[in-house]
Amino acid sequence: MIKENLLDILGNIPPTVTLVAVSKTKPINLLQEAYDAGQRHFGENRCDELAEKQKALPADIHWHMIGHLQSKKVKSIAAFVHLIHSVDSFGLLQEINKQALKHQRVIDCLLQFHIAVEETKYGFSEEEAVLLLNSTEFKSLANIRIVGVMGMATFTSDQRQVADEFCNLRKIFERIKDAHFNCNSNFKEISMGMSGDYQAAIQQGSTMIRVGSSIFGERVRL
């Protein structure tokens, strides 16, 4: 079933879009099944679970940290994490930089933006992000690399609202790229879209979708 679900999703998204299999709370055997079907990008929202699974599964998996990240937890994933989607503060960036330096690597990160109406979701405002990117302190961080943006739409059945929020994130990406990363080919990712709304996200420019239940549970037909 997992292989069929993966093939179904991959057959309905552009080859330029990266599928991140959201494997939080799922047992190792299901992740191995997805791996055996060809999946290499997996996303977790808890550092402890991410570190445990990284030890138990093949070394060529690209591990994505997609959940809210506390600074004190960064050290547990700094040696291997492929991409941190959920950077929502300068303090967190400083800690990621510190831990990356210890492992003599550069960690790729996405700036998370608050695009939903729900106050419980995390993320920068565009104004906060611009202040960060213009700061001398940010420019001194040599062991992190900002490669794009991430956001989560409002949990609602109003598809127009969801599309508008995704469109807003794409426009934020474009403005930030023009102003701060215009000559940087690494700044190219827009991580948005989950099981229930990834097609809408792709239509608005998503380059990376985070899909869990449509792979490991019942398929959500769009």
C-alpha atoms as a PDB file:
ATOM      1  CA  MET A   1       0.000   0.000   0.000  1.00  0.00           C
ATOM      2  CA  ILE A   2       2.787   2.448   0.838  1.00  0.00           C
ATOM      3  CA  LYS A   3       4.486   1.834  -2.498  1.00  0.00           C
ATOM      4  CA  GLU A   4       1.183   2.343  -4.320  1.00  0.00           C
ATOM      5  CA  ASN A   5       0.536   5.564  -2.423  1.00  0.00           C
ATOM      6  CA  LEU A   6       4.001   6.908  -3.225  1.00  0.00           C
ATOM      7  CA  LEU A   7       3.654   6.073  -6.908  1.00  0.00           C
ATOM      8  CA  ASP A   8       0.209   7.670  -6.971  1.00  0.00           C
ATOM      9  CA  ILE A   9       1.494  10.925  -5.480  1.00  0.00           C
ATOM     10  CA  LEU A  10       4.679  11.036  -7.549  1.00  0.00           C
ATOM     11  CA  GLY A  11       2.653  10.405 -10.683  1.00  0.00           C
ATOM     12  CA  ASN A  12       0.538  13.473  -9.980  1.00  0.00           C
ATOM     13  CA  ILE A  13       3.183  16.040  -9.078  1.00  0.00           C
ATOM     14  CA  PRO A  14       5.851  17.678 -11.263  1.00  0.00           C
ATOM     15  CA  PRO A  15       9.317  16.082 -11.167  1.00  0.00           C
ATOM     16  CA  THR A  16      10.667  19.410  -9.916  1.00  0.00           C
ATOM     17  CA  VAL A  17       8.722  19.061  -6.635  1.00  0.00           C
ATOM     18  CA  THR A  18      10.401  17.178  -3.780  1.00  0.00           C
ATOM     19  CA  LEU A  19       8.159  14.814  -1.832  1.00  0.00           C
ATOM     20  CA  VAL A  20       9.022  14.701   1.875  1.00  0.00           C
ATOM     21  CA  ALA A  21       7.383  11.696   3.542  1.00  0.00           C
ATOM     22  CA  VAL A  22       6.202  12.855   6.966  1.00  0.00           C
ATOM     23  CA  SER A  23       7.015   9.830   9.089  1.00  0.00           C
ATOM     24  CA  LYS A  24       6.352  11.185  12.598  1.00  0.00           C
ATOM     25  CA  THR A  25       4.999   8.519  14.989  1.00  0.00           C
ATOM     26  CA  LYS A  26       5.336   5.852  12.296  1.00  0.00           C
ATOM     27  CA  PRO A  27       7.287   2.663  13.145  1.00  0.00           C
ATOM     28  CA  ILE A  28      10.616   1.807  11.559  1.00  0.00           C
ATOM     29  CA  ASN A  29       9.177  -0.993   9.432  1.00  0.00           C
ATOM     30  CA  LEU A  30       6.851   1.409   7.600  1.00  0.00           C
ATOM     31  CA  LEU A  31       9.695   3.812   6.916  1.00  0.00           C
ATOM     32  CA  GLN A  32      11.765   0.918   5.619  1.00  0.00           C
ATOM     33  CA  GLU A  33       8.887  -0.041   3.329  1.00  0.00           C
ATOM     34  CA  ALA A  34       8.786   3.489   1.941  1.00  0.00           C
ATOM     35  CA  TYR A  35      12.571   3.463   1.554  1.00  0.00           C
ATOM     36  CA  ASP A  36      12.425   0.142  -0.316  1.00  0.00           C
ATOM     37  CA  ALA A  37       9.881   1.749  -2.645  1.00  0.00           C
ATOM     38  CA  GLY A  38      12.424   4.446  -3.483  1.00  0.00           C
ATOM     39  CA  GLN A  39      11.576   7.240  -1.030  1.00  0.00           C
ATOM     40  CA  ARG A  40      14.650   9.082   0.284  1.00  0.00           C
ATOM     41  CA  HIS A  41      13.299  12.269   1.898  1.00  0.00           C
ATOM     42  CA  PHE A  42      11.665  11.840   5.313  1.00  0.00           C
ATOM     43  CA  GLY A  43      10.352  14.505   7.692  1.00  0.00           C
ATOM     44  CA  GLU A  44      10.016  14.397  11.464  1.00  0.00           C
ATOM     45  CA  ASN A  45       8.707  16.948  13.963  1.00  0.00           C
ATOM     46  CA  ARG A  46      10.504  15.732  17.109  1.00  0.00           C
ATOM     47  CA  CYS A  47      14.284  15.677  17.407  1.00  0.00           C
ATOM     48  CA  ASP A  48      14.475  12.647  19.676  1.00  0.00           C
ATOM     49  CA  GLU A  49      12.412  10.529  17.305  1.00  0.00           C
ATOM     50  CA  LEU A  50      14.382  11.839  14.335  1.00  0.00           C
ATOM     51  CA  ALA A  51      17.708  10.881  15.928  1.00  0.00           C
ATOM     52  CA  GLU A  52      16.475   7.380  16.822  1.00  0.00           C
ATOM     53  CA  LYS A  53      15.216   6.701  13.313  1.00  0.00           C
ATOM     54  CA  GLN A  54      18.366   8.073  11.709  1.00  0.00           C
ATOM     55  CA  LYS A  55      20.422   5.472  13.585  1.00  0.00           C
ATOM     56  CA  ALA A  56      18.104   2.617  12.617  1.00  0.00           C
ATOM     57  CA  LEU A  57      17.619   3.327   8.916  1.00  0.00           C
ATOM     58  CA  PRO A  58      19.901   3.526   5.828  1.00  0.00           C
ATOM     59  CA  ALA A  59      22.538   6.243   5.760  1.00  0.00           C
ATOM     60  CA  ASP A  60      21.493   7.753   2.421  1.00  0.00           C
ATOM     61  CA  ILE A  61      18.169   9.051   3.738  1.00  0.00           C
ATOM     62  CA  HIS A  62      17.736  12.829   3.697  1.00  0.00           C
ATOM     63  CA  TRP A  63      16.230  13.780   7.055  1.00  0.00           C
ATOM     64  CA  HIS A  64      14.087  16.915   7.284  1.00  0.00           C
ATOM     65  CA  MET A  65      13.198  18.620  10.564  1.00  0.00           C
ATOM     66  CA  ILE A  66       9.724  20.002   9.918  1.00  0.00           C
ATOM     67  CA  GLY A  67       8.316  20.659  13.398  1.00  0.00           C
ATOM     68  CA  HIS A  68       8.785  23.499  15.836  1.00  0.00           C
ATOM     69  CA  LEU A  69      12.416  23.322  16.948  1.00  0.00           C
ATOM     70  CA  GLN A  70      13.715  24.294  20.379  1.00  0.00           C
ATOM     71  CA  SER A  71      17.286  25.571  20.482  1.00  0.00           C
ATOM     72  CA  LYS A  72      18.278  23.037  23.148  1.00  0.00           C
ATOM     73  CA  LYS A  73      17.333  20.174  20.807  1.00  0.00           C
ATOM     74  CA  VAL A  74      19.453  21.245  17.831  1.00  0.00           C
ATOM     75  CA  LYS A  75      22.568  19.392  19.013  1.00  0.00           C
ATOM     76  CA  SER A  76      20.821  16.016  18.705  1.00  0.00           C
ATOM     77  CA  ILE A  77      20.329  16.388  14.930  1.00  0.00           C
ATOM     78  CA  ALA A  78      23.125  18.759  13.879  1.00  0.00           C
ATOM     79  CA  ALA A  79      25.481  16.014  12.706  1.00  0.00           C
ATOM     80  CA  PHE A  80      23.185  14.672  10.016  1.00  0.00           C
ATOM     81  CA  VAL A  81      20.037  16.738   9.373  1.00  0.00           C
ATOM     82  CA  HIS A  82      19.574  17.506   5.677  1.00  0.00           C
ATOM     83  CA  LEU A  83      17.235  20.496   5.960  1.00  0.00           C
ATOM     84  CA  ILE A  84      15.584  22.365   8.831  1.00  0.00           C
ATOM     85  CA  HIS A  85      12.254  23.757   7.625  1.00  0.00           C
ATOM     86  CA  SER A  86      11.111  25.481  10.793  1.00  0.00           C
ATOM     87  CA  VAL A  87      13.532  28.320  11.542  1.00  0.00           C
ATOM     88  CA  ASP A  88      11.412  30.972  13.235  1.00  0.00           C
ATOM     89  CA  SER A  89      13.877  33.082  15.250  1.00  0.00           C
ATOM     90  CA  PHE A  90      17.365  34.528  15.106  1.00  0.00           C
ATOM     91  CA  GLY A  91      18.246  32.770  18.359  1.00  0.00           C
ATOM     92  CA  LEU A  92      17.466  29.419  16.759  1.00  0.00           C
ATOM     93  CA  LEU A  93      19.646  30.274  13.766  1.00  0.00           C
ATOM     94  CA  GLN A  94      22.508  31.135  16.108  1.00  0.00           C
ATOM     95  CA  GLU A  95      22.225  27.767  17.832  1.00  0.00           C
ATOM     96  CA  ILE A  96      22.054  25.886  14.528  1.00  0.00           C
ATOM     97  CA  ASN A  97      25.173  27.746  13.399  1.00  0.00           C
ATOM     98  CA  LYS A  98      26.945  26.902  16.672  1.00  0.00           C
ATOM     99  CA  GLN A  99      26.150  23.199  16.446  1.00  0.00           C
ATOM    100  CA  ALA A 100      26.953  23.034  12.727  1.00  0.00           C
ATOM    101  CA  LEU A 101      30.372  24.513  13.436  1.00  0.00           C
ATOM    102  CA  LYS A 102      31.048  21.775  15.986  1.00  0.00           C
ATOM    103  CA  HIS A 103      30.450  19.204  13.256  1.00  0.00           C
ATOM    104  CA  GLN A 104      32.349  21.198  10.619  1.00  0.00           C
ATOM    105  CA  ARG A 105      29.389  21.436   8.286  1.00  0.00           C
ATOM    106  CA  VAL A 106      26.930  23.937   6.900  1.00  0.00           C
ATOM    107  CA  ILE A 107      23.266  23.221   7.664  1.00  0.00           C
ATOM    108  CA  ASP A 108      20.616  24.208   5.157  1.00  0.00           C
ATOM    109  CA  CYS A 109      17.608  26.036   6.617  1.00  0.00           C
ATOM    110  CA  LEU A 110      14.267  27.473   5.558  1.00  0.00           C
ATOM    111  CA  LEU A 111      12.768  30.577   7.109  1.00  0.00           C
ATOM    112  CA  GLN A 112       9.300  29.748   8.408  1.00  0.00           C
ATOM    113  CA  PHE A 113       6.631  32.389   7.806  1.00  0.00           C
ATOM    114  CA  HIS A 114       3.329  32.801   9.596  1.00  0.00           C
ATOM    115  CA  ILE A 115       0.817  32.837   6.736  1.00  0.00           C
ATOM    116  CA  ALA A 116      -2.254  31.349   8.480  1.00  0.00           C
ATOM    117  CA  VAL A 117      -4.900  33.084  10.556  1.00  0.00           C
ATOM    118  CA  GLU A 118      -4.306  30.686  13.464  1.00  0.00           C
ATOM    119  CA  GLU A 119      -2.206  32.268  16.175  1.00  0.00           C
ATOM    120  CA  THR A 120      -0.941  28.848  17.286  1.00  0.00           C
ATOM    121  CA  LYS A 121       1.230  28.494  14.194  1.00  0.00           C
ATOM    122  CA  TYR A 122       4.825  29.739  14.310  1.00  0.00           C
ATOM    123  CA  GLY A 123       6.825  31.851  11.899  1.00  0.00           C
ATOM    124  CA  PHE A 124       8.315  35.213  10.989  1.00  0.00           C
ATOM    125  CA  SER A 125       6.411  38.115   9.578  1.00  0.00           C
ATOM    126  CA  GLU A 126       7.964  39.443   6.394  1.00  0.00           C
ATOM    127  CA  GLU A 127       9.098  42.572   8.232  1.00  0.00           C
ATOM    128  CA  GLU A 128      10.862  40.507  10.906  1.00  0.00           C
ATOM    129  CA  ALA A 129      12.613  38.412   8.276  1.00  0.00           C
ATOM    130  CA  VAL A 130      13.847  41.483   6.401  1.00  0.00           C
ATOM    131  CA  LEU A 131      15.310  42.925   9.602  1.00  0.00           C
ATOM    132  CA  LEU A 132      17.036  39.616  10.254  1.00  0.00           C
ATOM    133  CA  LEU A 133      18.501  39.330   6.762  1.00  0.00           C
ATOM    134  CA  ASN A 134      19.771  42.904   6.847  1.00  0.00           C
ATOM    135  CA  SER A 135      21.480  42.494  10.197  1.00  0.00           C
ATOM    136  CA  THR A 136      25.232  42.266  10.656  1.00  0.00           C
ATOM    137  CA  GLU A 137      24.693  39.464  13.148  1.00  0.00           C
ATOM    138  CA  PHE A 138      22.954  37.299  10.558  1.00  0.00           C
ATOM    139  CA  LYS A 139      25.659  37.879   7.979  1.00  0.00           C
ATOM    140  CA  SER A 140      28.269  36.581  10.444  1.00  0.00           C
ATOM    141  CA  LEU A 141      26.674  33.103  10.592  1.00  0.00           C
ATOM    142  CA  ALA A 142      28.987  31.074   8.363  1.00  0.00           C
ATOM    143  CA  ASN A 143      27.671  27.586   9.134  1.00  0.00           C
ATOM    144  CA  ILE A 144      24.050  27.994   8.084  1.00  0.00           C
ATOM    145  CA  ARG A 145      22.637  28.482   4.613  1.00  0.00           C
ATOM    146  CA  ILE A 146      19.166  29.869   3.958  1.00  0.00           C
ATOM    147  CA  VAL A 147      17.800  28.006   0.939  1.00  0.00           C
ATOM    148  CA  GLY A 148      14.169  29.113   0.935  1.00  0.00           C
ATOM    149  CA  VAL A 149      10.961  29.522   2.901  1.00  0.00           C
ATOM    150  CA  MET A 150       8.320  27.398   4.594  1.00  0.00           C
ATOM    151  CA  GLY A 151       4.748  27.987   5.690  1.00  0.00           C
ATOM    152  CA  MET A 152       1.550  26.239   6.775  1.00  0.00           C
ATOM    153  CA  ALA A 153      -1.864  27.322   5.581  1.00  0.00           C
ATOM    154  CA  THR A 154      -4.901  27.650   7.807  1.00  0.00           C
ATOM    155  CA  PHE A 155      -6.690  24.391   8.607  1.00  0.00           C
ATOM    156  CA  THR A 156      -9.928  25.132   6.800  1.00  0.00           C
ATOM    157  CA  SER A 157     -12.215  23.773   4.100  1.00  0.00           C
ATOM    158  CA  ASP A 158     -12.098  27.174   2.357  1.00  0.00           C
ATOM    159  CA  GLN A 159      -9.833  26.327  -0.578  1.00  0.00           C
ATOM    160  CA  ARG A 160      -9.731  29.928  -1.764  1.00  0.00           C
ATOM    161  CA  GLN A 161      -8.286  31.011   1.568  1.00  0.00           C
ATOM    162  CA  VAL A 162      -5.694  28.218   1.455  1.00  0.00           C
ATOM    163  CA  ALA A 163      -4.698  29.172  -2.093  1.00  0.00           C
ATOM    164  CA  ASP A 164      -4.416  32.839  -1.114  1.00  0.00           C
ATOM    165  CA  GLU A 165      -2.149  31.976   1.817  1.00  0.00           C
ATOM    166  CA  PHE A 166       0.093  29.843  -0.385  1.00  0.00           C
ATOM    167  CA  CYS A 167       0.176  32.628  -2.953  1.00  0.00           C
ATOM    168  CA  ASN A 168       1.229  35.032  -0.199  1.00  0.00           C
ATOM    169  CA  LEU A 169       4.140  32.785   0.759  1.00  0.00           C
ATOM    170  CA  ARG A 170       5.278  32.562  -2.860  1.00  0.00           C
ATOM    171  CA  LYS A 171       5.231  36.347  -3.131  1.00  0.00           C
ATOM    172  CA  ILE A 172       7.238  36.632   0.102  1.00  0.00           C
ATOM    173  CA  PHE A 173       9.757  34.188  -1.353  1.00  0.00           C
ATOM    174  CA  GLU A 174      10.019  36.221  -4.554  1.00  0.00           C
ATOM    175  CA  ARG A 175      10.494  39.536  -2.739  1.00  0.00           C
ATOM    176  CA  ILE A 176      13.124  38.117  -0.397  1.00  0.00           C
ATOM    177  CA  LYS A 177      14.941  36.444  -3.264  1.00  0.00           C
ATOM    178  CA  ASP A 178      15.008  39.656  -5.290  1.00  0.00           C
ATOM    179  CA  ALA A 179      16.242  41.708  -2.344  1.00  0.00           C
ATOM    180  CA  HIS A 180      18.650  39.329  -0.605  1.00  0.00           C
ATOM    181  CA  PHE A 181      19.418  36.219  -2.687  1.00  0.00           C
ATOM    182  CA  ASN A 182      19.190  37.407  -6.269  1.00  0.00           C
ATOM    183  CA  CYS A 183      22.563  35.940  -7.237  1.00  0.00           C
ATOM    184  CA  ASN A 184      22.282  32.887  -4.988  1.00  0.00           C
ATOM    185  CA  SER A 185      21.099  29.761  -6.804  1.00  0.00           C
ATOM    186  CA  ASN A 186      20.742  27.882  -3.506  1.00  0.00           C
ATOM    187  CA  PHE A 187      17.767  30.020  -2.482  1.00  0.00           C
ATOM    188  CA  LYS A 188      15.098  28.121  -4.413  1.00  0.00           C
ATOM    189  CA  GLU A 189      12.827  26.160  -2.069  1.00  0.00           C
ATOM    190  CA  ILE A 190       9.223  26.903  -1.129  1.00  0.00           C
ATOM    191  CA  SER A 191       8.110  24.248   1.351  1.00  0.00           C
ATOM    192  CA  MET A 192       4.322  24.314   1.502  1.00  0.00           C
ATOM    193  CA  GLY A 193       1.531  21.806   1.103  1.00  0.00           C
ATOM    194  CA  MET A 194       0.517  18.712   3.060  1.00  0.00           C
ATOM    195  CA  SER A 195      -1.736  15.704   2.406  1.00  0.00           C
ATOM    196  CA  GLY A 196      -4.943  17.720   2.114  1.00  0.00           C
ATOM    197  CA  ASP A 197      -3.672  20.718   0.168  1.00  0.00           C
ATOM    198  CA  TYR A 198      -0.464  19.885  -1.673  1.00  0.00           C
ATOM    199  CA  GLN A 199      -2.003  20.219  -5.129  1.00  0.00           C
ATOM    200  CA  ALA A 200      -3.113  23.763  -4.283  1.00  0.00           C
ATOM    201  CA  ALA A 201       0.369  24.476  -2.953  1.00  0.00           C
ATOM    202  CA  ILE A 202       2.011  23.214  -6.136  1.00  0.00           C
ATOM    203  CA  GLN A 203      -0.271  25.412  -8.223  1.00  0.00           C
ATOM    204  CA  GLN A 204       1.017  28.382  -6.215  1.00  0.00           C
ATOM    205  CA  GLY A 205       4.686  27.485  -6.697  1.00  0.00           C
ATOM    206  CA  SER A 206       5.611  24.933  -4.029  1.00  0.00           C
ATOM    207  CA  THR A 207       8.873  23.094  -4.670  1.00  0.00           C
ATOM    208  CA  MET A 208       8.613  20.799  -1.637  1.00  0.00           C
ATOM    209  CA  ILE A 209       5.537  19.119  -0.159  1.00  0.00           C
ATOM    210  CA  ARG A 210       5.288  17.460   3.266  1.00  0.00           C
ATOM    211  CA  VAL A 211       2.947  14.471   3.032  1.00  0.00           C
ATOM    212  CA  GLY A 212       2.187  11.940   5.751  1.00  0.00           C
ATOM    213  CA  SER A 213      -1.312  10.438   5.899  1.00  0.00           C
ATOM    214  CA  SER A 214      -1.576  10.105   2.119  1.00  0.00           C
ATOM    215  CA  ILE A 215       1.496   7.850   2.205  1.00  0.00           C
ATOM    216  CA  PHE A 216       1.251   5.963   5.474  1.00  0.00           C
ATOM    217  CA  GLY A 217      -2.517   6.108   6.005  1.00  0.00           C
ATOM    218  CA  GLU A 218      -5.580   6.301   3.825  1.00  0.00           C
ATOM    219  CA  ARG A 219      -5.168   8.330   0.672  1.00  0.00           C
ATOM    220  CA  VAL A 220      -6.733  11.780   0.592  1.00  0.00           C
ATOM    221  CA  ARG A 221      -8.242  12.202  -2.861  1.00  0.00           C
ATOM    222  CA  LEU A 222      -7.989  15.718  -4.222  1.00  0.00           C
END
